[in-house]
Structure formats: C-alpha cells, structure tokens
Amino acid sequence: MILELAVVAQLAARCAPSVAIETLAAVMRTESGFKPFALGVNGPGGGAIFPETREAAVALATDLIERQGRSVDLGLMQVNSGNLRALGLTVAEVLDPCTNLAAGARILRKGYATASRGEADPQQALRVAFSRYNTGHPERGFANGYVRRVQGAAEVVVPAIRLRGEAVGAPQRPAATSAPELPDDDPDAPPEWDVWARAAPASRPRLVAVPRETPAASGGAAGATPTEPPRTAE
C-alpha cells in the first residue's frame, strides 16, 4: 500500500501542522516511500517489510519487538521502536498514519531546535536535524548520504505538491485518520523547503534543496561511521 501524494499532503497538514508539508513529504519519501505500514528491521538479518494492512503490521512489529527483541523502524516516518516509551505510544498507535506523522514531526522539531542552538544558518540547521533524525548524531547523516537523499526527495515531491495546490490553503480533512498531533514540548519549528528559493517569507526561512550532483553542505565528519537509523527522540 502506497499513499497518494495528495493524501500525504492532507495527512501532514492535519496531523503535523507545525512542520511544513514539503519537509515532511521529503522525509517520508526517503524513509518509507509513502508506505504507511512499512517496517524496517535493524541489525543482522534485518531489512524492509511492507505489510498490506495496519493489523498485519502491528502483529508482525509486536512480535519482532517484544518476542525477538529487535529494533524496528515503524510507519511513514520510520519512528524507531526505542522511542515509543518516550513518545508515550504503543506499537499499534504509532502505526496509525496520523499518529506516526505527529511523532516523526516531534522528533524532527527537537532535532532542529538542538541544531539551531549551535548553527546560525537555518538551512544548515535543518540539514543537521535530518542527520539527527536518521542517526541521532549531527554529522553521521551527512557521511552516510541520508541528508543528500532527503534533499533529492525534495526535488521530486515539492514541485508535485505545489502543482497540485496541496501546499496552499486549508486541505480537506482526510477520512482515514483519527489521531491529533502529539503535544509539543518545543516551540521551534523547522523551516520549509523551497527548491528554487522563491518567495521565502523573511520570518520563515526555507531550505533550498541541493541538487543531487552537488555535495551536501559541510557538516559531516570525514570518516564518520554510518549507523542504523535510530530516529531518536533525544
């Protein structure tokens, strides 16, 4: 099951309004390919699994986490199972697409707030937030190529979202969601994507997507060892 981009945009606007639709869509495309019940099993013998239904995903993820003790990335935003307690969520809850988006947005916001304290450039701070989202570290997500992949995803989804008009105005309420955005404990919201850096409001900076052939902005440590994505709540 793969969600249509229009549905993704509606979900993002409703369930995680504190983060720009374009930003979330780029992360979702990188993490799960818009598959709402995607499971990423970390460690030896792991890999990606794509159950067709939420019920099947919950049953399989619960077995992997509780019986086998595996680390599993869950849902659209691939929220890691190690964060469920801190987020106050169960496996079943985090595999609700709306709740999953809210949880991922919360983790991304915390990463951005942390990065902003040490980085004056909001565009670079968002790149660092992506690195933290993937690895829990401000530099390893550059070294393993994750930040560049998110930026590449933005080049695909941002024009499509804006062409459909889903990024402007009030989107329709999606029928297949139920959970509101998780409570916010951090007021800082990441900036939006703007592939061409057009019409960026001065009060809300936008991240310019770096073309695929251009090296990502410096921030990755040379020789840093890539790690499996923890999606840390920090």
Protein backbone atom coordinates (compact mmCIF):
# COMPACT_ATOMS: atom_id res chain seq x y z
CA MET A 1 0.00 0.00 0.00
CA ILE A 2 1.37 3.38 -1.06
CA LEU A 3 -0.36 6.65 -0.20
CA GLU A 4 -1.05 9.15 -2.98
CA LEU A 5 0.82 12.44 -2.65
CA ALA A 6 -2.44 14.35 -2.23
CA VAL A 7 -3.34 12.14 0.75
CA VAL A 8 0.16 12.56 2.17
CA ALA A 9 -0.20 16.35 1.96
CA GLN A 10 -3.58 16.26 3.70
CA LEU A 11 -2.25 13.99 6.44
CA ALA A 12 0.75 16.22 7.03
CA ALA A 13 -1.37 19.37 7.22
CA ARG A 14 -3.80 17.83 9.66
CA CYS A 15 -1.61 15.65 11.85
CA ALA A 16 1.66 17.58 11.99
CA PRO A 17 0.85 21.22 11.20
CA SER A 18 3.96 22.51 12.98
CA VAL A 19 6.24 21.22 10.20
CA ALA A 20 5.94 22.24 6.54
CA ILE A 21 4.15 19.71 4.32
CA GLU A 22 7.04 19.72 1.86
CA THR A 23 9.59 18.94 4.56
CA LEU A 24 7.59 16.02 5.91
CA ALA A 25 6.88 14.69 2.43
CA ALA A 26 10.59 14.67 1.59
CA VAL A 27 11.39 12.76 4.78
CA MET A 28 8.52 10.31 4.21
CA ARG A 29 9.61 9.59 0.65
CA THR A 30 13.12 8.88 1.89
CA GLU A 31 12.08 6.83 4.91
CA SER A 32 9.16 4.71 3.72
CA GLY A 33 8.34 5.61 0.13
CA PHE A 34 4.91 6.70 1.42
CA LYS A 35 4.12 3.16 2.61
CA PRO A 36 2.16 3.70 5.85
CA PHE A 37 2.83 0.28 7.37
CA ALA A 38 6.50 -0.08 6.39
CA LEU A 39 8.72 -1.86 8.91
CA GLY A 40 12.49 -1.50 8.90
CA VAL A 41 14.15 -4.27 10.92
CA ASN A 42 17.61 -3.20 12.09
CA GLY A 43 20.55 -5.47 12.78
CA PRO A 44 21.73 -8.79 11.32
CA GLY A 45 19.19 -10.43 9.05
CA GLY A 46 17.04 -7.33 9.04
CA GLY A 47 15.56 -5.42 6.16
CA ALA A 48 12.41 -3.72 4.94
CA ILE A 49 9.00 -5.36 5.23
CA PHE A 50 5.82 -3.91 3.75
CA PRO A 51 2.63 -5.40 5.24
CA GLU A 52 -0.54 -4.53 3.35
CA THR A 53 -2.68 -3.73 6.39
CA ARG A 54 -2.22 -1.99 9.70
CA GLU A 55 -3.35 -5.11 11.55
CA ALA A 56 -0.69 -7.24 9.89
CA ALA A 57 1.97 -4.60 10.55
CA VAL A 58 1.04 -4.34 14.23
CA ALA A 59 1.13 -8.11 14.71
CA LEU A 60 4.48 -8.51 12.98
CA ALA A 61 6.10 -5.48 14.64
CA THR A 62 4.90 -6.56 18.07
CA ASP A 63 6.41 -10.00 17.59
CA LEU A 64 9.70 -8.57 16.35
CA ILE A 65 10.00 -6.04 19.18
CA GLU A 66 8.53 -7.88 22.17
CA ARG A 67 9.35 -11.51 21.45
CA GLN A 68 12.52 -11.23 19.39
CA GLY A 69 13.91 -8.06 20.95
CA ARG A 70 14.54 -6.42 17.58
CA SER A 71 14.92 -2.72 16.86
CA VAL A 72 12.27 -1.78 14.32
CA ASP A 73 11.57 1.45 12.43
CA LEU A 74 7.83 1.93 12.08
CA GLY A 75 5.46 3.51 9.60
CA LEU A 76 5.58 6.50 7.28
CA MET A 77 8.28 8.33 9.23
CA GLN A 78 10.05 5.13 10.36
CA VAL A 79 9.89 6.04 14.04
CA ASN A 80 12.21 3.70 15.90
CA SER A 81 10.71 1.33 18.44
CA GLY A 82 13.23 2.53 21.02
CA ASN A 83 11.43 5.87 21.14
CA LEU A 84 7.94 4.57 21.84
CA ARG A 85 8.16 4.86 25.61
CA ALA A 86 9.47 8.45 25.46
CA LEU A 87 6.72 9.35 23.00
CA GLY A 88 4.06 7.64 25.11
CA LEU A 89 2.95 5.42 22.23
CA THR A 90 2.27 1.74 21.65
CA VAL A 91 3.18 -0.18 18.51
CA ALA A 92 -0.46 -0.10 17.42
CA GLU A 93 -0.71 3.64 17.97
CA VAL A 94 2.47 4.55 16.10
CA LEU A 95 1.30 2.53 13.10
CA ASP A 96 -1.68 4.86 12.74
CA PRO A 97 -0.51 7.14 9.88
CA CYS A 98 -1.66 10.33 11.60
CA THR A 99 -0.01 9.47 14.91
CA ASN A 100 3.13 8.36 13.10
CA LEU A 101 3.42 11.68 11.29
CA ALA A 102 2.93 13.59 14.52
CA ALA A 103 5.61 11.52 16.26
CA GLY A 104 8.09 11.94 13.43
CA ALA A 105 7.43 15.68 13.31
CA ARG A 106 8.04 15.93 17.03
CA ILE A 107 11.41 14.17 16.73
CA LEU A 108 12.37 16.34 13.76
CA ARG A 109 11.44 19.51 15.63
CA LYS A 110 13.54 18.53 18.62
CA GLY A 111 16.48 17.86 16.32
CA TYR A 112 16.02 21.23 14.65
CA ALA A 113 15.81 23.05 17.97
CA THR A 114 19.02 21.38 19.13
CA ALA A 115 20.80 22.17 15.85
CA SER A 116 19.64 25.79 15.90
CA ARG A 117 21.41 26.44 19.18
CA GLY A 118 24.77 25.81 17.52
CA GLU A 119 24.07 26.83 13.92
CA ALA A 120 23.11 30.34 12.84
CA ASP A 121 22.07 29.32 9.32
CA PRO A 122 18.55 27.86 9.48
CA GLN A 123 19.09 25.93 6.24
CA GLN A 124 22.13 24.17 7.64
CA ALA A 125 20.33 23.65 10.96
CA LEU A 126 17.59 21.76 9.14
CA ARG A 127 20.17 19.61 7.38
CA VAL A 128 21.69 18.82 10.78
CA ALA A 129 18.19 18.00 12.06
CA PHE A 130 17.84 15.46 9.24
CA SER A 131 21.17 13.93 10.24
CA ARG A 132 19.99 13.64 13.83
CA TYR A 133 16.70 12.15 12.70
CA ASN A 134 18.49 9.39 10.83
CA THR A 135 21.46 8.66 13.09
CA GLY A 136 20.97 10.54 16.36
CA HIS A 137 24.19 12.41 15.51
CA PRO A 138 24.71 15.86 13.93
CA GLU A 139 27.29 14.62 11.40
CA ARG A 140 26.77 10.95 10.56
CA GLY A 141 23.68 11.59 8.47
CA PHE A 142 25.87 13.63 6.13
CA ALA A 143 28.56 10.96 5.96
CA ASN A 144 26.14 8.14 5.13
CA GLY A 145 24.34 10.14 2.45
CA TYR A 146 20.99 10.43 4.23
CA VAL A 147 20.82 14.23 4.17
CA ARG A 148 21.52 14.25 0.45
CA ARG A 149 18.81 11.64 -0.13
CA VAL A 150 16.24 13.77 1.68
CA GLN A 151 17.24 16.77 -0.39
CA GLY A 152 16.96 14.68 -3.54
CA ALA A 153 13.48 13.57 -2.46
CA ALA A 154 12.50 17.21 -2.02
CA GLU A 155 13.33 17.90 -5.65
CA VAL A 156 10.65 15.35 -6.58
CA VAL A 157 7.89 16.00 -4.06
CA VAL A 158 7.99 19.79 -3.66
CA PRO A 159 7.10 20.66 -7.28
CA ALA A 160 4.44 17.92 -7.33
CA ILE A 161 2.80 19.16 -4.13
CA ARG A 162 2.75 22.75 -5.29
CA LEU A 163 1.48 21.81 -8.74
CA ARG A 164 -1.46 20.03 -7.11
CA GLY A 165 -2.07 23.03 -4.87
CA GLU A 166 -2.00 20.85 -1.77
CA ALA A 167 0.56 23.06 -0.04
CA VAL A 168 -1.67 26.12 -0.10
CA GLY A 169 -4.85 26.87 1.79
CA ALA A 170 -6.76 24.52 4.06
CA PRO A 171 -6.63 20.91 2.88
CA GLN A 172 -9.66 18.67 3.19
CA ARG A 173 -9.85 16.50 6.26
CA PRO A 174 -8.63 13.00 5.37
CA ALA A 175 -11.10 10.26 6.22
CA ALA A 176 -8.58 7.60 7.21
CA THR A 177 -7.01 9.35 10.20
CA SER A 178 -8.02 9.79 13.78
CA ALA A 179 -5.19 11.00 15.99
CA PRO A 180 -4.28 14.65 16.60
CA GLU A 181 -0.71 15.90 16.65
CA LEU A 182 1.20 14.87 19.76
CA PRO A 183 1.65 17.53 22.45
CA ASP A 184 4.52 19.89 21.66
CA ASP A 185 7.28 20.41 24.18
CA ASP A 186 9.38 22.60 21.87
CA PRO A 187 8.24 25.83 20.20
CA ASP A 188 10.82 25.85 17.39
CA ALA A 189 9.53 24.69 14.02
CA PRO A 190 11.84 23.71 11.14
CA PRO A 191 11.84 25.89 8.02
CA GLU A 192 10.09 24.91 4.81
CA TRP A 193 11.56 23.53 1.61
CA ASP A 194 11.85 25.74 -1.46
CA VAL A 195 13.66 24.06 -4.33
CA TRP A 196 14.11 27.33 -6.22
CA ALA A 197 14.36 29.64 -3.17
CA ARG A 198 11.39 31.67 -4.38
CA ALA A 199 9.07 33.84 -2.30
CA ALA A 200 10.60 32.92 1.04
CA PRO A 201 8.98 34.95 3.84
CA ALA A 202 11.62 36.73 5.90
CA SER A 203 10.12 35.43 9.12
CA ARG A 204 10.07 31.79 7.96
CA PRO A 205 13.29 30.72 6.21
CA ARG A 206 13.14 27.92 3.64
CA LEU A 207 15.71 25.23 2.98
CA VAL A 208 16.97 25.19 -0.59
CA ALA A 209 17.29 21.63 -1.85
CA VAL A 210 20.83 20.90 -3.01
CA PRO A 211 20.91 19.27 -6.49
CA ARG A 212 21.82 15.60 -6.49
CA GLU A 213 25.15 16.17 -8.22
CA THR A 214 26.25 18.84 -5.74
CA PRO A 215 27.89 17.70 -2.47
CA ALA A 216 25.80 18.44 0.60
CA ALA A 217 26.85 21.34 2.78
CA SER A 218 29.76 20.59 5.04
CA GLY A 219 28.71 19.18 8.36
CA GLY A 220 29.54 15.53 8.02
CA ALA A 221 32.72 14.42 9.70
CA ALA A 222 35.23 12.85 7.36
CA GLY A 223 35.45 9.16 8.05
CA ALA A 224 32.38 9.10 10.29
CA THR A 225 30.92 5.62 10.53
CA PRO A 226 27.32 5.40 9.29
CA THR A 227 24.90 3.95 11.81
CA GLU A 228 21.46 2.40 11.54
CA PRO A 229 18.69 4.97 11.78
CA PRO A 230 17.53 5.34 15.39
CA ARG A 231 15.09 8.25 14.81
CA THR A 232 15.99 9.40 18.28
CA ALA A 233 13.62 11.46 20.38
CA GLU A 234 16.62 12.87 22.29
